[in-house]
Amino acid sequence: QKVVPQKKDDILIEGGPSGMPYRFAKCCNPATATSHPDRIVGIVTRAGKVNVHAEGCRMVRAASPDRKVVVKWA
């Protein structure tokens, strides 16, 4: 699979189809100014969207490695 960085608003999603929709997870809220983590991780949902989590979130630890994608702050 070819890795193609894609820019959407303030994050870069590497891998997956172009234009893949994403949202910031509510469990760890990585988009808030007070808890803006240095490292974030994307988890592809069954619906084909990417949920963006803080790296230390419990949901990231519980997710299947096959569903994880690299996301970075732009």
PDB file of N, CA and C in Angstrom:
ATOM      1  N   GLN A   1       0.840  -1.181   0.000  1.00  0.00           N
ATOM      2  CA  GLN A   1       0.000   0.000   0.000  1.00  0.00           C
ATOM      3  C   GLN A   1       0.882   1.240   0.000  1.00  0.00           C
ATOM      4  N   LYS A   2       0.587   2.175  -0.875  1.00  0.00           N
ATOM      5  CA  LYS A   2       1.353   3.409  -0.972  1.00  0.00           C
ATOM      6  C   LYS A   2       0.890   4.388   0.101  1.00  0.00           C
ATOM      7  N   VAL A   3       1.836   4.994   0.789  1.00  0.00           N
ATOM      8  CA  VAL A   3       1.514   5.975   1.824  1.00  0.00           C
ATOM      9  C   VAL A   3       1.518   7.364   1.192  1.00  0.00           C
ATOM     10  N   VAL A   4       0.356   8.006   1.222  1.00  0.00           N
ATOM     11  CA  VAL A   4       0.214   9.338   0.648  1.00  0.00           C
ATOM     12  C   VAL A   4      -0.245  10.286   1.734  1.00  0.00           C
ATOM     13  N   PRO A   5       0.619  11.239   2.130  1.00  0.00           N
ATOM     14  CA  PRO A   5       0.165  12.204   3.134  1.00  0.00           C
ATOM     15  C   PRO A   5      -0.987  13.026   2.587  1.00  0.00           C
ATOM     16  N   GLN A   6      -1.964  13.303   3.418  1.00  0.00           N
ATOM     17  CA  GLN A   6      -3.069  14.144   2.999  1.00  0.00           C
ATOM     18  C   GLN A   6      -3.295  15.192   4.076  1.00  0.00           C
ATOM     19  N   LYS A   7      -3.487  16.412   3.668  1.00  0.00           N
ATOM     20  CA  LYS A   7      -3.682  17.494   4.632  1.00  0.00           C
ATOM     21  C   LYS A   7      -5.151  17.810   4.731  1.00  0.00           C
ATOM     22  N   LYS A   8      -5.667  17.840   5.941  1.00  0.00           N
ATOM     23  CA  LYS A   8      -7.044  18.224   6.191  1.00  0.00           C
ATOM     24  C   LYS A   8      -7.037  19.106   7.421  1.00  0.00           C
ATOM     25  N   ASP A   9      -7.301  20.375   7.247  1.00  0.00           N
ATOM     26  CA  ASP A   9      -7.343  21.336   8.336  1.00  0.00           C
ATOM     27  C   ASP A   9      -6.009  21.388   9.071  1.00  0.00           C
ATOM     28  N   ASP A  10      -5.918  20.779  10.248  1.00  0.00           N
ATOM     29  CA  ASP A  10      -4.713  20.937  11.047  1.00  0.00           C
ATOM     30  C   ASP A  10      -3.977  19.636  11.332  1.00  0.00           C
ATOM     31  N   ILE A  11      -4.320  18.544  10.654  1.00  0.00           N
ATOM     32  CA  ILE A  11      -3.575  17.298  10.809  1.00  0.00           C
ATOM     33  C   ILE A  11      -3.245  16.711   9.443  1.00  0.00           C
ATOM     34  N   LEU A  12      -2.235  15.851   9.433  1.00  0.00           N
ATOM     35  CA  LEU A  12      -1.874  15.102   8.236  1.00  0.00           C
ATOM     36  C   LEU A  12      -2.189  13.637   8.503  1.00  0.00           C
ATOM     37  N   ILE A  13      -2.884  12.992   7.559  1.00  0.00           N
ATOM     38  CA  ILE A  13      -3.208  11.576   7.675  1.00  0.00           C
ATOM     39  C   ILE A  13      -2.365  10.837   6.647  1.00  0.00           C
ATOM     40  N   GLU A  14      -1.583   9.870   7.092  1.00  0.00           N
ATOM     41  CA  GLU A  14      -0.745   9.089   6.186  1.00  0.00           C
ATOM     42  C   GLU A  14      -1.377   7.726   5.969  1.00  0.00           C
ATOM     43  N   GLY A  15      -1.569   7.370   4.719  1.00  0.00           N
ATOM     44  CA  GLY A  15      -2.188   6.096   4.393  1.00  0.00           C
ATOM     45  C   GLY A  15      -3.685   6.257   4.197  1.00  0.00           C
ATOM     46  N   GLY A  16      -4.287   5.230   3.665  1.00  0.00           N
ATOM     47  CA  GLY A  16      -5.718   5.270   3.409  1.00  0.00           C
ATOM     48  C   GLY A  16      -6.043   6.052   2.153  1.00  0.00           C
ATOM     49  N   PRO A  17      -7.301   6.004   1.750  1.00  0.00           N
ATOM     50  CA  PRO A  17      -7.699   6.711   0.540  1.00  0.00           C
ATOM     51  C   PRO A  17      -7.670   8.219   0.722  1.00  0.00           C
ATOM     52  N   SER A  18      -7.511   8.932  -0.376  1.00  0.00           N
ATOM     53  CA  SER A  18      -7.482  10.393  -0.345  1.00  0.00           C
ATOM     54  C   SER A  18      -8.834  10.932   0.117  1.00  0.00           C
ATOM     55  N   GLY A  19      -8.802  11.961   0.933  1.00  0.00           N
ATOM     56  CA  GLY A  19     -10.030  12.583   1.402  1.00  0.00           C
ATOM     57  C   GLY A  19     -10.716  11.841   2.525  1.00  0.00           C
ATOM     58  N   MET A  20      -9.996  10.967   3.217  1.00  0.00           N
ATOM     59  CA  MET A  20     -10.585  10.189   4.301  1.00  0.00           C
ATOM     60  C   MET A  20     -11.067  11.136   5.409  1.00  0.00           C
ATOM     61  N   PRO A  21     -12.346  11.039   5.801  1.00  0.00           N
ATOM     62  CA  PRO A  21     -12.861  11.933   6.844  1.00  0.00           C
ATOM     63  C   PRO A  21     -12.298  11.559   8.214  1.00  0.00           C
ATOM     64  N   TYR A  22     -12.189  12.549   9.084  1.00  0.00           N
ATOM     65  CA  TYR A  22     -11.698  12.294  10.439  1.00  0.00           C
ATOM     66  C   TYR A  22     -12.449  13.150  11.434  1.00  0.00           C
ATOM     67  N   ARG A  23     -12.322  12.780  12.706  1.00  0.00           N
ATOM     68  CA  ARG A  23     -12.851  13.588  13.805  1.00  0.00           C
ATOM     69  C   ARG A  23     -11.965  13.365  15.007  1.00  0.00           C
ATOM     70  N   PHE A  24     -11.951  14.336  15.893  1.00  0.00           N
ATOM     71  CA  PHE A  24     -11.174  14.216  17.125  1.00  0.00           C
ATOM     72  C   PHE A  24     -12.013  13.482  18.159  1.00  0.00           C
ATOM     73  N   ALA A  25     -11.421  12.472  18.768  1.00  0.00           N
ATOM     74  CA  ALA A  25     -12.124  11.649  19.752  1.00  0.00           C
ATOM     75  C   ALA A  25     -12.495  12.467  20.983  1.00  0.00           C
ATOM     76  N   LYS A  26     -13.648  12.164  21.552  1.00  0.00           N
ATOM     77  CA  LYS A  26     -14.102  12.869  22.753  1.00  0.00           C
ATOM     78  C   LYS A  26     -13.496  12.291  24.025  1.00  0.00           C
ATOM     79  N   CYS A  27     -13.048  11.033  23.978  1.00  0.00           N
ATOM     80  CA  CYS A  27     -12.526  10.377  25.181  1.00  0.00           C
ATOM     81  C   CYS A  27     -11.245  11.036  25.686  1.00  0.00           C
ATOM     82  N   CYS A  28     -10.374  11.475  24.776  1.00  0.00           N
ATOM     83  CA  CYS A  28      -9.107  12.088  25.191  1.00  0.00           C
ATOM     84  C   CYS A  28      -8.974  13.520  24.666  1.00  0.00           C
ATOM     85  N   ASN A  29      -9.879  13.931  23.780  1.00  0.00           N
ATOM     86  CA  ASN A  29      -9.985  15.283  23.244  1.00  0.00           C
ATOM     87  C   ASN A  29      -8.634  15.898  22.857  1.00  0.00           C
ATOM     88  N   PRO A  30      -7.939  15.325  21.873  1.00  0.00           N
ATOM     89  CA  PRO A  30      -6.605  15.810  21.518  1.00  0.00           C
ATOM     90  C   PRO A  30      -6.589  17.185  20.869  1.00  0.00           C
ATOM     91  N   ALA A  31      -7.738  17.736  20.493  1.00  0.00           N
ATOM     92  CA  ALA A  31      -7.779  19.026  19.803  1.00  0.00           C
ATOM     93  C   ALA A  31      -7.871  20.219  20.747  1.00  0.00           C
ATOM     94  N   THR A  32      -8.080  19.981  22.037  1.00  0.00           N
ATOM     95  CA  THR A  32      -8.229  21.117  22.949  1.00  0.00           C
ATOM     96  C   THR A  32      -6.889  21.800  23.189  1.00  0.00           C
ATOM     97  N   ALA A  33      -6.933  23.073  23.401  1.00  0.00           N
ATOM     98  CA  ALA A  33      -5.705  23.858  23.580  1.00  0.00           C
ATOM     99  C   ALA A  33      -4.963  23.477  24.859  1.00  0.00           C
ATOM    100  N   THR A  34      -5.684  23.121  25.908  1.00  0.00           N
ATOM    101  CA  THR A  34      -5.036  22.825  27.183  1.00  0.00           C
ATOM    102  C   THR A  34      -4.371  21.458  27.210  1.00  0.00           C
ATOM    103  N   SER A  35      -4.874  20.517  26.404  1.00  0.00           N
ATOM    104  CA  SER A  35      -4.287  19.175  26.423  1.00  0.00           C
ATOM    105  C   SER A  35      -3.775  18.784  25.035  1.00  0.00           C
ATOM    106  N   HIS A  36      -3.285  19.737  24.272  1.00  0.00           N
ATOM    107  CA  HIS A  36      -2.805  19.503  22.910  1.00  0.00           C
ATOM    108  C   HIS A  36      -1.580  18.591  22.951  1.00  0.00           C
ATOM    109  N   PRO A  37      -1.758  17.276  22.772  1.00  0.00           N
ATOM    110  CA  PRO A  37      -0.631  16.351  22.908  1.00  0.00           C
ATOM    111  C   PRO A  37       0.334  16.457  21.734  1.00  0.00           C
ATOM    112  N   ASP A  38       1.579  16.135  21.984  1.00  0.00           N
ATOM    113  CA  ASP A  38       2.577  16.145  20.923  1.00  0.00           C
ATOM    114  C   ASP A  38       2.341  15.024  19.927  1.00  0.00           C
ATOM    115  N   ARG A  39       1.913  13.892  20.408  1.00  0.00           N
ATOM    116  CA  ARG A  39       1.734  12.733  19.540  1.00  0.00           C
ATOM    117  C   ARG A  39       0.278  12.316  19.514  1.00  0.00           C
ATOM    118  N   ILE A  40      -0.221  12.074  18.294  1.00  0.00           N
ATOM    119  CA  ILE A  40      -1.591  11.633  18.104  1.00  0.00           C
ATOM    120  C   ILE A  40      -1.584  10.391  17.224  1.00  0.00           C
ATOM    121  N   VAL A  41      -2.658   9.608  17.323  1.00  0.00           N
ATOM    122  CA  VAL A  41      -2.787   8.359  16.581  1.00  0.00           C
ATOM    123  C   VAL A  41      -4.178   8.319  15.974  1.00  0.00           C
ATOM    124  N   GLY A  42      -4.277   7.810  14.746  1.00  0.00           N
ATOM    125  CA  GLY A  42      -5.575   7.643  14.116  1.00  0.00           C
ATOM    126  C   GLY A  42      -6.008   6.190  14.164  1.00  0.00           C
ATOM    127  N   ILE A  43      -7.283   5.980  14.403  1.00  0.00           N
ATOM    128  CA  ILE A  43      -7.864   4.644  14.383  1.00  0.00           C
ATOM    129  C   ILE A  43      -8.985   4.656  13.344  1.00  0.00           C
ATOM    130  N   VAL A  44      -8.878   3.789  12.354  1.00  0.00           N
ATOM    131  CA  VAL A  44      -9.888   3.717  11.300  1.00  0.00           C
ATOM    132  C   VAL A  44     -11.093   2.955  11.835  1.00  0.00           C
ATOM    133  N   THR A  45     -12.263   3.566  11.728  1.00  0.00           N
ATOM    134  CA  THR A  45     -13.494   2.928  12.200  1.00  0.00           C
ATOM    135  C   THR A  45     -14.025   1.967  11.150  1.00  0.00           C
ATOM    136  N   ARG A  46     -15.002   1.190  11.527  1.00  0.00           N
ATOM    137  CA  ARG A  46     -15.634   0.271  10.562  1.00  0.00           C
ATOM    138  C   ARG A  46     -16.345   1.041   9.451  1.00  0.00           C
ATOM    139  N   ALA A  47     -16.736   2.279   9.749  1.00  0.00           N
ATOM    140  CA  ALA A  47     -17.412   3.125   8.756  1.00  0.00           C
ATOM    141  C   ALA A  47     -16.424   3.797   7.812  1.00  0.00           C
ATOM    142  N   GLY A  48     -15.113   3.593   8.037  1.00  0.00           N
ATOM    143  CA  GLY A  48     -14.106   4.155   7.143  1.00  0.00           C
ATOM    144  C   GLY A  48     -13.655   5.558   7.485  1.00  0.00           C
ATOM    145  N   LYS A  49     -13.970   6.024   8.684  1.00  0.00           N
ATOM    146  CA  LYS A  49     -13.510   7.331   9.147  1.00  0.00           C
ATOM    147  C   LYS A  49     -12.339   7.137  10.093  1.00  0.00           C
ATOM    148  N   VAL A  50     -11.574   8.206  10.326  1.00  0.00           N
ATOM    149  CA  VAL A  50     -10.448   8.132  11.246  1.00  0.00           C
ATOM    150  C   VAL A  50     -10.796   8.906  12.512  1.00  0.00           C
ATOM    151  N   ASN A  51     -10.712   8.234  13.647  1.00  0.00           N
ATOM    152  CA  ASN A  51     -10.846   8.904  14.940  1.00  0.00           C
ATOM    153  C   ASN A  51      -9.441   9.229  15.419  1.00  0.00           C
ATOM    154  N   VAL A  52      -9.190  10.491  15.728  1.00  0.00           N
ATOM    155  CA  VAL A  52      -7.866  10.946  16.162  1.00  0.00           C
ATOM    156  C   VAL A  52      -7.836  10.965  17.683  1.00  0.00           C
ATOM    157  N   HIS A  53      -6.841  10.254  18.251  1.00  0.00           N
ATOM    158  CA  HIS A  53      -6.695  10.132  19.707  1.00  0.00           C
ATOM    159  C   HIS A  53      -5.313  10.606  20.133  1.00  0.00           C
ATOM    160  N   ALA A  54      -5.192  10.992  21.390  1.00  0.00           N
ATOM    161  CA  ALA A  54      -3.881  11.223  21.987  1.00  0.00           C
ATOM    162  C   ALA A  54      -3.195   9.867  22.101  1.00  0.00           C
ATOM    163  N   GLU A  55      -1.872   9.842  21.939  1.00  0.00           N
ATOM    164  CA  GLU A  55      -1.136   8.582  21.913  1.00  0.00           C
ATOM    165  C   GLU A  55      -1.362   7.727  23.157  1.00  0.00           C
ATOM    166  N   GLY A  56      -1.502   8.318  24.312  1.00  0.00           N
ATOM    167  CA  GLY A  56      -1.660   7.557  25.546  1.00  0.00           C
ATOM    168  C   GLY A  56      -3.081   7.163  25.883  1.00  0.00           C
ATOM    169  N   CYS A  57      -4.020   7.432  25.012  1.00  0.00           N
ATOM    170  CA  CYS A  57      -5.427   7.142  25.276  1.00  0.00           C
ATOM    171  C   CYS A  57      -5.661   5.642  25.412  1.00  0.00           C
ATOM    172  N   ARG A  58      -6.572   5.265  26.285  1.00  0.00           N
ATOM    173  CA  ARG A  58      -6.887   3.847  26.496  1.00  0.00           C
ATOM    174  C   ARG A  58      -7.478   3.212  25.243  1.00  0.00           C
ATOM    175  N   MET A  59      -8.156   3.987  24.420  1.00  0.00           N
ATOM    176  CA  MET A  59      -8.734   3.452  23.189  1.00  0.00           C
ATOM    177  C   MET A  59      -7.645   3.058  22.185  1.00  0.00           C
ATOM    178  N   VAL A  60      -6.538   3.798  22.179  1.00  0.00           N
ATOM    179  CA  VAL A  60      -5.420   3.474  21.289  1.00  0.00           C
ATOM    180  C   VAL A  60      -4.782   2.163  21.728  1.00  0.00           C
ATOM    181  N   ARG A  61      -4.607   1.998  23.031  1.00  0.00           N
ATOM    182  CA  ARG A  61      -4.000   0.767  23.545  1.00  0.00           C
ATOM    183  C   ARG A  61      -4.869  -0.454  23.242  1.00  0.00           C
ATOM    184  N   ALA A  62      -6.195  -0.265  23.232  1.00  0.00           N
ATOM    185  CA  ALA A  62      -7.115  -1.378  23.014  1.00  0.00           C
ATOM    186  C   ALA A  62      -7.375  -1.662  21.532  1.00  0.00           C
ATOM    187  N   ALA A  63      -7.006  -0.740  20.644  1.00  0.00           N
ATOM    188  CA  ALA A  63      -7.315  -0.887  19.216  1.00  0.00           C
ATOM    189  C   ALA A  63      -6.413  -1.911  18.539  1.00  0.00           C
ATOM    190  N   SER A  64      -6.948  -2.546  17.532  1.00  0.00           N
ATOM    191  CA  SER A  64      -6.172  -3.485  16.726  1.00  0.00           C
ATOM    192  C   SER A  64      -5.106  -2.721  15.950  1.00  0.00           C
ATOM    193  N   PRO A  65      -3.884  -3.244  15.901  1.00  0.00           N
ATOM    194  CA  PRO A  65      -2.819  -2.576  15.134  1.00  0.00           C
ATOM    195  C   PRO A  65      -3.173  -2.383  13.660  1.00  0.00           C
ATOM    196  N   ASP A  66      -4.018  -3.251  13.115  1.00  0.00           N
ATOM    197  CA  ASP A  66      -4.425  -3.137  11.713  1.00  0.00           C
ATOM    198  C   ASP A  66      -5.266  -1.899  11.444  1.00  0.00           C
ATOM    199  N   ARG A  67      -5.887  -1.348  12.477  1.00  0.00           N
ATOM    200  CA  ARG A  67      -6.757  -0.186  12.303  1.00  0.00           C
ATOM    201  C   ARG A  67      -6.044   1.145  12.563  1.00  0.00           C
ATOM    202  N   LYS A  68      -4.808   1.094  13.035  1.00  0.00           N
ATOM    203  CA  LYS A  68      -4.087   2.324  13.367  1.00  0.00           C
ATOM    204  C   LYS A  68      -3.433   2.931  12.125  1.00  0.00           C
ATOM    205  N   VAL A  69      -3.501   4.263  12.011  1.00  0.00           N
ATOM    206  CA  VAL A  69      -2.827   4.993  10.941  1.00  0.00           C
ATOM    207  C   VAL A  69      -2.032   6.129  11.571  1.00  0.00           C
ATOM    208  N   VAL A  70      -0.991   6.558  10.875  1.00  0.00           N
ATOM    209  CA  VAL A  70      -0.145   7.642  11.361  1.00  0.00           C
ATOM    210  C   VAL A  70      -0.818   8.967  11.058  1.00  0.00           C
ATOM    211  N   VAL A  71      -0.996   9.786  12.080  1.00  0.00           N
ATOM    212  CA  VAL A  71      -1.498  11.143  11.903  1.00  0.00           C
ATOM    213  C   VAL A  71      -0.553  12.088  12.646  1.00  0.00           C
ATOM    214  N   LYS A  72      -0.386  13.280  12.089  1.00  0.00           N
ATOM    215  CA  LYS A  72       0.510  14.270  12.685  1.00  0.00           C
ATOM    216  C   LYS A  72      -0.126  15.634  12.612  1.00  0.00           C
ATOM    217  N   TRP A  73       0.264  16.506  13.541  1.00  0.00           N
ATOM    218  CA  TRP A  73      -0.177  17.896  13.462  1.00  0.00           C
ATOM    219  C   TRP A  73       0.495  18.550  12.269  1.00  0.00           C
ATOM    220  N   ALA A  74      -0.265  19.337  11.520  1.00  0.00           N
ATOM    221  CA  ALA A  74       0.281  20.005  10.340  1.00  0.00           C
ATOM    222  C   ALA A  74       1.076  21.243  10.734  1.00  0.00           C
TER     223      ALA A  74
END
